Structures are given as structure tokens and as C-alpha cells.
Amino acid sequence: MSTVRWKLATLLLFSFVFFENGFSQAKLVFEQAIDLGELYNGEVVKARIPLTNAGKLPLKIIRISTSCGCTTVKQPQGDIAPGKTDVLEVEFNSTGFRGKSVKYVYIETNDPENQYTSVTLSALVREELQPVQNNTLIWFGDVPVGKKAEQTYALKNISPNAIGIKRIITSNKSVKVTFDHKNVPPEGTVTFTVSVIPEKTGYLNETFFVETNSKHQKKVPVRMSLMGVQPK
């Protein structure tokens, strides 16, 4: 075989191997951006992200992670066969957020051309009752165990309609919340008195909910936190 023919045969062989390797692999196809739309602070919204294997080998979902604890995911169980689609389920909790919110879901697979990638989640979080001091967290600081700590917290009605306060919902018996009046007109405020008695040392993170008669935001979340310390 002449040198030219040998070089041509070698080139064709390598081209064939490259072609086969390039197409005999897993290939992830998915939507890179998901718009969760408008929601009110405290709402939990879910989304489904189809993951399609457009390759010729099984697609392995090695790892799924998120940029925020407010976002949880349920990933497919097992490999995705060639030509098949499975669904990544995502849940975003808007508690404590306001305005434009952008989060990320990170995906690691065995797709050699797209091993590390991500999905962008965006949402517009609105409020009807807004913290007067623009503070979404009540911080009590260090509180001795068994001792009562108390703070006030005010919300302003920024909606065009009057809002009625129905009750306070809390799952922690050591947290007590009262409010000064039930009806909050537009541009009006309502003040809450929040008291807590820590039962043990360490961080205490709680969220209580202000239940309203609004058709848009039936429950307004209010987060609180403290550090329980040993009494002196």
C-alpha cells in the first residue's frame, strides 16, 4: 500500500472512531431557564424539569444540588435510557424573599460534553403586608434559657385594599404573639408583640404566620431567631 493510501486509510479510521465515540455516549437535553412567575411571600411553588437523554448510552444523574436551602429537588431514580425522558421535580419556598429572586439547580451527569450544568429558576415575589423597617427577621440576640424576651414588629399594608388579621399560627409553644388591631386599612400598620422563652441553649429559628382575610396572601410568614444561653 502506498504511503498516500496508508495515510488516507489511517485518517478514515480515526475519523470513524471519533465519529462513533462522539455519538455513542449519553447526551443531556433540558430547559436551562424556568420562570416560576409571580407569587406572594410565603407561597411554595413547584416546577417540573424534563431531562431527556438524546445519546446512545444510559444517562447517569450523578449529583443534584441547589444554590439555596429555599429550593429542594427530587431527582430521577436510576439512569435515563437512550431516547427516554425523566423529570426533575423542584420546589421553591418564597418565605423571606421579595422582588426578583433567582436561584440555581446544579446538575452533574456522565454527559462528557455537558458534565456540569445548571437550571436557572426565577420568580417575582410580592407582598401585601410589608415590614415597616424592611427587616424580614426578628433577631432577639442572646437570651438566657428560661427567661422571657420580647420585641415588637410592625407590618404595613401596601395593597389598595383593607386587610383583616384573623389569627397567629405558630407550632412552638414557647413563642407567643399578639397584635394591636385586626383591621389594617391601605397604608395602615399593625404592630405585633412577640415573646419567647428559650428552653435550651443554641440557636432557635422559628417562623410564625399571620393569617389574613386577603385572597392573595392568606398567610404572611414572619421569621424570628435567637441564641439560647446559660443563665448567669
C-alpha atoms as a PDB file:
ATOM      1  CA  MET A   1       0.000   0.000   0.000  1.00  0.00           C
ATOM      2  CA  SER A   2       1.365   3.390  -0.954  1.00  0.00           C
ATOM      3  CA  THR A   3       2.174   5.964   1.686  1.00  0.00           C
ATOM      4  CA  VAL A   4      -0.689   8.166   0.497  1.00  0.00           C
ATOM      5  CA  ARG A   5      -3.180   5.305   0.698  1.00  0.00           C
ATOM      6  CA  TRP A   6      -1.912   4.315   4.142  1.00  0.00           C
ATOM      7  CA  LYS A   7      -2.298   7.869   5.443  1.00  0.00           C
ATOM      8  CA  LEU A   8      -5.778   8.118   3.921  1.00  0.00           C
ATOM      9  CA  ALA A   9      -6.844   4.802   5.478  1.00  0.00           C
ATOM     10  CA  THR A  10      -5.463   5.867   8.841  1.00  0.00           C
ATOM     11  CA  LEU A  11      -7.292   9.194   8.647  1.00  0.00           C
ATOM     12  CA  LEU A  12     -10.558   7.463   7.757  1.00  0.00           C
ATOM     13  CA  LEU A  13     -10.129   5.013  10.640  1.00  0.00           C
ATOM     14  CA  PHE A  14      -9.532   7.754  13.190  1.00  0.00           C
ATOM     15  CA  SER A  15     -12.449   9.753  11.780  1.00  0.00           C
ATOM     16  CA  PHE A  16     -14.717   6.724  12.124  1.00  0.00           C
ATOM     17  CA  VAL A  17     -13.591   6.078  15.713  1.00  0.00           C
ATOM     18  CA  PHE A  18     -14.057   9.733  16.614  1.00  0.00           C
ATOM     19  CA  PHE A  19     -17.488   9.760  14.997  1.00  0.00           C
ATOM     20  CA  GLU A  20     -18.579   6.634  16.833  1.00  0.00           C
ATOM     21  CA  ASN A  21     -17.246   7.852  20.188  1.00  0.00           C
ATOM     22  CA  GLY A  22     -18.849  11.227  19.692  1.00  0.00           C
ATOM     23  CA  PHE A  23     -22.304   9.761  19.169  1.00  0.00           C
ATOM     24  CA  SER A  24     -22.074   6.624  21.329  1.00  0.00           C
ATOM     25  CA  GLN A  25     -22.444   8.494  24.602  1.00  0.00           C
ATOM     26  CA  ALA A  26     -25.063   9.938  26.920  1.00  0.00           C
ATOM     27  CA  LYS A  27     -26.367  13.389  25.960  1.00  0.00           C
ATOM     28  CA  LEU A  28     -28.437  15.566  28.304  1.00  0.00           C
ATOM     29  CA  VAL A  29     -31.109  17.796  26.792  1.00  0.00           C
ATOM     30  CA  PHE A  30     -33.088  20.074  29.139  1.00  0.00           C
ATOM     31  CA  GLU A  31     -34.606  23.532  29.589  1.00  0.00           C
ATOM     32  CA  GLN A  32     -31.974  25.843  31.075  1.00  0.00           C
ATOM     33  CA  ALA A  33     -34.298  28.549  32.460  1.00  0.00           C
ATOM     34  CA  ILE A  34     -37.615  28.192  34.307  1.00  0.00           C
ATOM     35  CA  ASP A  35     -39.860  31.181  35.089  1.00  0.00           C
ATOM     36  CA  LEU A  36     -41.872  30.443  38.240  1.00  0.00           C
ATOM     37  CA  GLY A  37     -43.995  33.550  37.691  1.00  0.00           C
ATOM     38  CA  GLU A  38     -45.417  35.886  40.336  1.00  0.00           C
ATOM     39  CA  LEU A  39     -46.106  34.677  43.855  1.00  0.00           C
ATOM     40  CA  TYR A  40     -46.606  36.141  47.309  1.00  0.00           C
ATOM     41  CA  ASN A  41     -44.109  35.910  50.148  1.00  0.00           C
ATOM     42  CA  GLY A  42     -44.667  32.581  51.897  1.00  0.00           C
ATOM     43  CA  GLU A  43     -46.009  30.704  48.898  1.00  0.00           C
ATOM     44  CA  VAL A  44     -44.391  27.435  47.848  1.00  0.00           C
ATOM     45  CA  VAL A  45     -44.314  26.748  44.125  1.00  0.00           C
ATOM     46  CA  LYS A  46     -43.330  23.575  42.294  1.00  0.00           C
ATOM     47  CA  ALA A  47     -41.885  23.028  38.830  1.00  0.00           C
ATOM     48  CA  ARG A  48     -41.041  20.012  36.707  1.00  0.00           C
ATOM     49  CA  ILE A  49     -37.891  19.984  34.585  1.00  0.00           C
ATOM     50  CA  PRO A  50     -37.831  17.231  31.911  1.00  0.00           C
ATOM     51  CA  LEU A  51     -34.405  15.633  31.432  1.00  0.00           C
ATOM     52  CA  THR A  52     -34.016  13.878  28.078  1.00  0.00           C
ATOM     53  CA  ASN A  53     -31.230  11.530  27.036  1.00  0.00           C
ATOM     54  CA  ALA A  54     -30.568  12.211  23.353  1.00  0.00           C
ATOM     55  CA  GLY A  55     -27.493   9.979  23.305  1.00  0.00           C
ATOM     56  CA  LYS A  56     -26.899   6.270  22.737  1.00  0.00           C
ATOM     57  CA  LEU A  57     -25.743   5.297  26.247  1.00  0.00           C
ATOM     58  CA  PRO A  58     -27.647   5.498  29.573  1.00  0.00           C
ATOM     59  CA  LEU A  59     -27.580   8.951  31.180  1.00  0.00           C
ATOM     60  CA  LYS A  60     -26.459   8.869  34.822  1.00  0.00           C
ATOM     61  CA  ILE A  61     -27.608  11.665  37.145  1.00  0.00           C
ATOM     62  CA  ILE A  62     -24.583  11.768  39.434  1.00  0.00           C
ATOM     63  CA  ARG A  63     -25.483  14.685  41.679  1.00  0.00           C
ATOM     64  CA  ILE A  64     -28.153  17.378  42.077  1.00  0.00           C
ATOM     65  CA  SER A  65     -27.592  20.422  44.308  1.00  0.00           C
ATOM     66  CA  THR A  66     -29.106  23.889  44.759  1.00  0.00           C
ATOM     67  CA  SER A  67     -27.843  27.395  45.448  1.00  0.00           C
ATOM     68  CA  CYS A  68     -30.230  27.925  48.369  1.00  0.00           C
ATOM     69  CA  GLY A  69     -31.886  25.948  51.133  1.00  0.00           C
ATOM     70  CA  CYS A  70     -35.178  27.508  49.994  1.00  0.00           C
ATOM     71  CA  THR A  71     -35.048  25.247  46.928  1.00  0.00           C
ATOM     72  CA  THR A  72     -35.446  21.486  47.179  1.00  0.00           C
ATOM     73  CA  VAL A  73     -35.307  18.892  44.418  1.00  0.00           C
ATOM     74  CA  LYS A  74     -36.419  15.331  43.829  1.00  0.00           C
ATOM     75  CA  GLN A  75     -34.199  13.769  41.199  1.00  0.00           C
ATOM     76  CA  PRO A  76     -34.886  10.782  38.922  1.00  0.00           C
ATOM     77  CA  GLN A  77     -34.190   7.372  40.416  1.00  0.00           C
ATOM     78  CA  GLY A  78     -31.804   5.376  38.263  1.00  0.00           C
ATOM     79  CA  ASP A  79     -30.358   6.005  34.822  1.00  0.00           C
ATOM     80  CA  ILE A  80     -32.252   7.532  31.898  1.00  0.00           C
ATOM     81  CA  ALA A  81     -32.225   5.193  28.907  1.00  0.00           C
ATOM     82  CA  PRO A  82     -31.347   6.462  25.416  1.00  0.00           C
ATOM     83  CA  GLY A  83     -34.245   8.330  23.862  1.00  0.00           C
ATOM     84  CA  LYS A  84     -36.146   8.478  27.174  1.00  0.00           C
ATOM     85  CA  THR A  85     -37.150  11.380  29.421  1.00  0.00           C
ATOM     86  CA  ASP A  86     -37.420  11.603  33.199  1.00  0.00           C
ATOM     87  CA  VAL A  87     -38.436  14.539  35.374  1.00  0.00           C
ATOM     88  CA  LEU A  88     -36.553  16.594  37.945  1.00  0.00           C
ATOM     89  CA  GLU A  89     -39.045  17.968  40.483  1.00  0.00           C
ATOM     90  CA  VAL A  90     -38.206  21.347  42.028  1.00  0.00           C
ATOM     91  CA  GLU A  91     -39.842  23.185  44.944  1.00  0.00           C
ATOM     92  CA  PHE A  92     -39.169  26.860  45.812  1.00  0.00           C
ATOM     93  CA  ASN A  93     -40.218  28.340  49.164  1.00  0.00           C
ATOM     94  CA  SER A  94     -40.542  32.126  48.844  1.00  0.00           C
ATOM     95  CA  THR A  95     -40.586  32.808  52.610  1.00  0.00           C
ATOM     96  CA  GLY A  96     -38.360  35.786  53.396  1.00  0.00           C
ATOM     97  CA  PHE A  97     -37.842  36.851  49.776  1.00  0.00           C
ATOM     98  CA  ARG A  98     -39.120  39.913  47.956  1.00  0.00           C
ATOM     99  CA  GLY A  99     -38.852  41.266  44.457  1.00  0.00           C
ATOM    100  CA  LYS A 100     -36.931  39.449  41.740  1.00  0.00           C
ATOM    101  CA  SER A 101     -35.474  36.193  43.040  1.00  0.00           C
ATOM    102  CA  VAL A 102     -33.066  33.995  41.061  1.00  0.00           C
ATOM    103  CA  LYS A 103     -31.905  30.554  42.223  1.00  0.00           C
ATOM    104  CA  TYR A 104     -29.965  27.741  40.595  1.00  0.00           C
ATOM    105  CA  VAL A 105     -30.200  23.960  40.406  1.00  0.00           C
ATOM    106  CA  TYR A 106     -26.861  22.335  39.609  1.00  0.00           C
ATOM    107  CA  ILE A 107     -26.786  19.054  37.666  1.00  0.00           C
ATOM    108  CA  GLU A 108     -23.854  16.668  37.303  1.00  0.00           C
ATOM    109  CA  THR A 109     -24.153  13.820  34.771  1.00  0.00           C
ATOM    110  CA  ASN A 110     -21.998  11.457  32.743  1.00  0.00           C
ATOM    111  CA  ASP A 111     -22.586  13.505  29.566  1.00  0.00           C
ATOM    112  CA  PRO A 112     -18.949  14.158  28.574  1.00  0.00           C
ATOM    113  CA  GLU A 113     -19.851  17.365  26.744  1.00  0.00           C
ATOM    114  CA  ASN A 114     -22.131  18.720  29.473  1.00  0.00           C
ATOM    115  CA  GLN A 115     -20.986  17.120  32.715  1.00  0.00           C
ATOM    116  CA  TYR A 116     -21.609  20.157  34.936  1.00  0.00           C
ATOM    117  CA  THR A 117     -24.555  22.380  34.103  1.00  0.00           C
ATOM    118  CA  SER A 118     -27.379  24.272  35.796  1.00  0.00           C
ATOM    119  CA  VAL A 119     -31.002  25.349  35.560  1.00  0.00           C
ATOM    120  CA  THR A 120     -31.918  28.951  36.407  1.00  0.00           C
ATOM    121  CA  LEU A 121     -35.110  29.475  38.416  1.00  0.00           C
ATOM    122  CA  SER A 122     -36.610  32.962  38.573  1.00  0.00           C
ATOM    123  CA  ALA A 123     -39.638  34.339  40.393  1.00  0.00           C
ATOM    124  CA  LEU A 124     -41.169  37.696  41.271  1.00  0.00           C
ATOM    125  CA  VAL A 125     -42.094  37.684  44.974  1.00  0.00           C
ATOM    126  CA  ARG A 126     -44.728  40.213  46.040  1.00  0.00           C
ATOM    127  CA  GLU A 127     -46.090  41.338  49.409  1.00  0.00           C
ATOM    128  CA  GLU A 128     -49.248  42.931  50.748  1.00  0.00           C
ATOM    129  CA  LEU A 129     -48.101  43.339  54.339  1.00  0.00           C
ATOM    130  CA  GLN A 130     -44.531  44.653  54.290  1.00  0.00           C
ATOM    131  CA  PRO A 131     -42.145  45.003  57.275  1.00  0.00           C
ATOM    132  CA  VAL A 132     -42.034  48.670  58.327  1.00  0.00           C
ATOM    133  CA  GLN A 133     -38.261  48.547  58.854  1.00  0.00           C
ATOM    134  CA  ASN A 134     -37.700  46.338  55.783  1.00  0.00           C
ATOM    135  CA  ASN A 135     -36.425  43.689  58.167  1.00  0.00           C
ATOM    136  CA  THR A 136     -37.619  40.174  57.333  1.00  0.00           C
ATOM    137  CA  LEU A 137     -36.145  38.668  60.528  1.00  0.00           C
ATOM    138  CA  ILE A 138     -36.773  39.377  64.220  1.00  0.00           C
ATOM    139  CA  TRP A 139     -33.421  38.874  65.938  1.00  0.00           C
ATOM    140  CA  PHE A 140     -33.576  38.547  69.737  1.00  0.00           C
ATOM    141  CA  GLY A 141     -29.856  38.096  70.239  1.00  0.00           C
ATOM    142  CA  ASP A 142     -28.637  36.145  73.298  1.00  0.00           C
ATOM    143  CA  VAL A 143     -31.489  35.087  75.583  1.00  0.00           C
ATOM    144  CA  PRO A 144     -30.919  33.141  78.850  1.00  0.00           C
ATOM    145  CA  VAL A 145     -32.671  29.769  78.949  1.00  0.00           C
ATOM    146  CA  GLY A 146     -35.950  30.021  80.875  1.00  0.00           C
ATOM    147  CA  LYS A 147     -36.037  33.830  80.632  1.00  0.00           C
ATOM    148  CA  LYS A 148     -38.631  35.753  78.623  1.00  0.00           C
ATOM    149  CA  ALA A 149     -37.560  38.038  75.762  1.00  0.00           C
ATOM    150  CA  GLU A 150     -39.946  40.381  73.982  1.00  0.00           C
ATOM    151  CA  GLN A 151     -39.883  42.544  70.857  1.00  0.00           C
ATOM    152  CA  THR A 152     -42.364  44.429  68.680  1.00  0.00           C
ATOM    153  CA  TYR A 153     -42.666  44.039  64.936  1.00  0.00           C
ATOM    154  CA  ALA A 154     -44.800  46.119  62.546  1.00  0.00           C
ATOM    155  CA  LEU A 155     -46.256  45.373  59.117  1.00  0.00           C
ATOM    156  CA  LYS A 156     -47.603  47.986  56.694  1.00  0.00           C
ATOM    157  CA  ASN A 157     -50.453  47.352  54.291  1.00  0.00           C
ATOM    158  CA  ILE A 158     -49.101  48.331  50.851  1.00  0.00           C
ATOM    159  CA  SER A 159     -52.076  46.901  48.967  1.00  0.00           C
ATOM    160  CA  PRO A 160     -55.049  49.021  47.765  1.00  0.00           C
ATOM    161  CA  ASN A 161     -57.474  47.036  49.956  1.00  0.00           C
ATOM    162  CA  ALA A 162     -58.083  46.764  53.686  1.00  0.00           C
ATOM    163  CA  ILE A 163     -56.713  43.562  55.205  1.00  0.00           C
ATOM    164  CA  GLY A 164     -58.127  41.789  58.236  1.00  0.00           C
ATOM    165  CA  ILE A 165     -55.880  39.902  60.660  1.00  0.00           C
ATOM    166  CA  LYS A 166     -57.562  36.642  61.669  1.00  0.00           C
ATOM    167  CA  ARG A 167     -55.044  34.875  63.918  1.00  0.00           C
ATOM    168  CA  ILE A 168     -51.417  33.901  64.514  1.00  0.00           C
ATOM    169  CA  ILE A 169     -50.220  30.402  63.640  1.00  0.00           C
ATOM    170  CA  THR A 170     -47.153  29.005  65.398  1.00  0.00           C
ATOM    171  CA  SER A 171     -46.010  25.449  66.103  1.00  0.00           C
ATOM    172  CA  ASN A 172     -43.712  26.426  69.003  1.00  0.00           C
ATOM    173  CA  LYS A 173     -45.405  26.691  72.391  1.00  0.00           C
ATOM    174  CA  SER A 174     -42.620  28.912  73.715  1.00  0.00           C
ATOM    175  CA  VAL A 175     -43.491  31.627  71.157  1.00  0.00           C
ATOM    176  CA  LYS A 176     -46.394  33.971  71.904  1.00  0.00           C
ATOM    177  CA  VAL A 177     -47.640  36.650  69.503  1.00  0.00           C
ATOM    178  CA  THR A 178     -50.339  39.297  69.983  1.00  0.00           C
ATOM    179  CA  PHE A 179     -51.380  42.206  67.726  1.00  0.00           C
ATOM    180  CA  ASP A 180     -52.892  45.620  68.453  1.00  0.00           C
ATOM    181  CA  HIS A 181     -55.815  45.608  65.994  1.00  0.00           C
ATOM    182  CA  LYS A 182     -57.495  43.354  63.446  1.00  0.00           C
ATOM    183  CA  ASN A 183     -58.301  45.671  60.542  1.00  0.00           C
ATOM    184  CA  VAL A 184     -55.464  47.273  58.582  1.00  0.00           C
ATOM    185  CA  PRO A 185     -56.502  49.912  56.004  1.00  0.00           C
ATOM    186  CA  PRO A 186     -54.344  50.738  52.955  1.00  0.00           C
ATOM    187  CA  GLU A 187     -51.125  52.448  54.138  1.00  0.00           C
ATOM    188  CA  GLY A 188     -52.025  51.466  57.699  1.00  0.00           C
ATOM    189  CA  THR A 189     -49.838  49.406  60.025  1.00  0.00           C
ATOM    190  CA  VAL A 190     -50.357  46.640  62.547  1.00  0.00           C
ATOM    191  CA  THR A 191     -47.950  46.026  65.435  1.00  0.00           C
ATOM    192  CA  PHE A 192     -47.173  42.593  66.836  1.00  0.00           C
ATOM    193  CA  THR A 193     -45.730  41.872  70.255  1.00  0.00           C
ATOM    194  CA  VAL A 194     -43.575  38.752  70.049  1.00  0.00           C
ATOM    195  CA  SER A 195     -42.325  36.978  73.179  1.00  0.00           C
ATOM    196  CA  VAL A 196     -40.286  33.825  73.543  1.00  0.00           C
ATOM    197  CA  ILE A 197     -38.805  31.738  76.361  1.00  0.00           C
ATOM    198  CA  PRO A 198     -35.959  29.511  75.118  1.00  0.00           C
ATOM    199  CA  GLU A 199     -35.955  26.013  76.598  1.00  0.00           C
ATOM    200  CA  LYS A 200     -32.363  25.101  75.741  1.00  0.00           C
ATOM    201  CA  THR A 201     -29.065  26.566  74.620  1.00  0.00           C
ATOM    202  CA  GLY A 202     -28.236  27.038  70.959  1.00  0.00           C
ATOM    203  CA  TYR A 203     -29.908  28.706  68.021  1.00  0.00           C
ATOM    204  CA  LEU A 204     -33.695  28.827  67.835  1.00  0.00           C
ATOM    205  CA  ASN A 205     -35.078  29.578  64.378  1.00  0.00           C
ATOM    206  CA  GLU A 206     -38.849  29.801  64.019  1.00  0.00           C
ATOM    207  CA  THR A 207     -41.406  31.122  61.555  1.00  0.00           C
ATOM    208  CA  PHE A 208     -44.875  32.148  62.659  1.00  0.00           C
ATOM    209  CA  PHE A 209     -47.653  33.052  60.241  1.00  0.00           C
ATOM    210  CA  VAL A 210     -50.078  35.946  60.263  1.00  0.00           C
ATOM    211  CA  GLU A 211     -53.331  34.610  58.831  1.00  0.00           C
ATOM    212  CA  THR A 212     -55.331  37.235  56.919  1.00  0.00           C
ATOM    213  CA  ASN A 213     -58.591  37.511  55.001  1.00  0.00           C
ATOM    214  CA  SER A 214     -56.775  38.523  51.813  1.00  0.00           C
ATOM    215  CA  LYS A 215     -57.418  36.422  48.722  1.00  0.00           C
ATOM    216  CA  HIS A 216     -53.828  36.987  47.555  1.00  0.00           C
ATOM    217  CA  GLN A 217     -51.719  36.442  50.653  1.00  0.00           C
ATOM    218  CA  LYS A 218     -53.644  34.378  53.157  1.00  0.00           C
ATOM    219  CA  LYS A 219     -50.599  33.707  55.348  1.00  0.00           C
ATOM    220  CA  VAL A 220     -47.776  36.176  55.931  1.00  0.00           C
ATOM    221  CA  PRO A 221     -44.598  34.472  57.236  1.00  0.00           C
ATOM    222  CA  VAL A 222     -42.509  36.209  59.894  1.00  0.00           C
ATOM    223  CA  ARG A 223     -39.138  34.689  60.774  1.00  0.00           C
ATOM    224  CA  MET A 224     -37.524  35.007  64.200  1.00  0.00           C
ATOM    225  CA  SER A 225     -34.234  33.820  65.649  1.00  0.00           C
ATOM    226  CA  LEU A 226     -32.278  33.866  68.913  1.00  0.00           C
ATOM    227  CA  MET A 227     -29.359  32.270  70.687  1.00  0.00           C
ATOM    228  CA  GLY A 228     -30.281  30.461  73.884  1.00  0.00           C
ATOM    229  CA  VAL A 229     -27.532  30.853  76.504  1.00  0.00           C
ATOM    230  CA  GLN A 230     -26.950  29.626  80.023  1.00  0.00           C
ATOM    231  CA  PRO A 231     -28.329  31.998  82.703  1.00  0.00           C
ATOM    232  CA  LYS A 232     -25.678  33.873  84.670  1.00  0.00           C
END
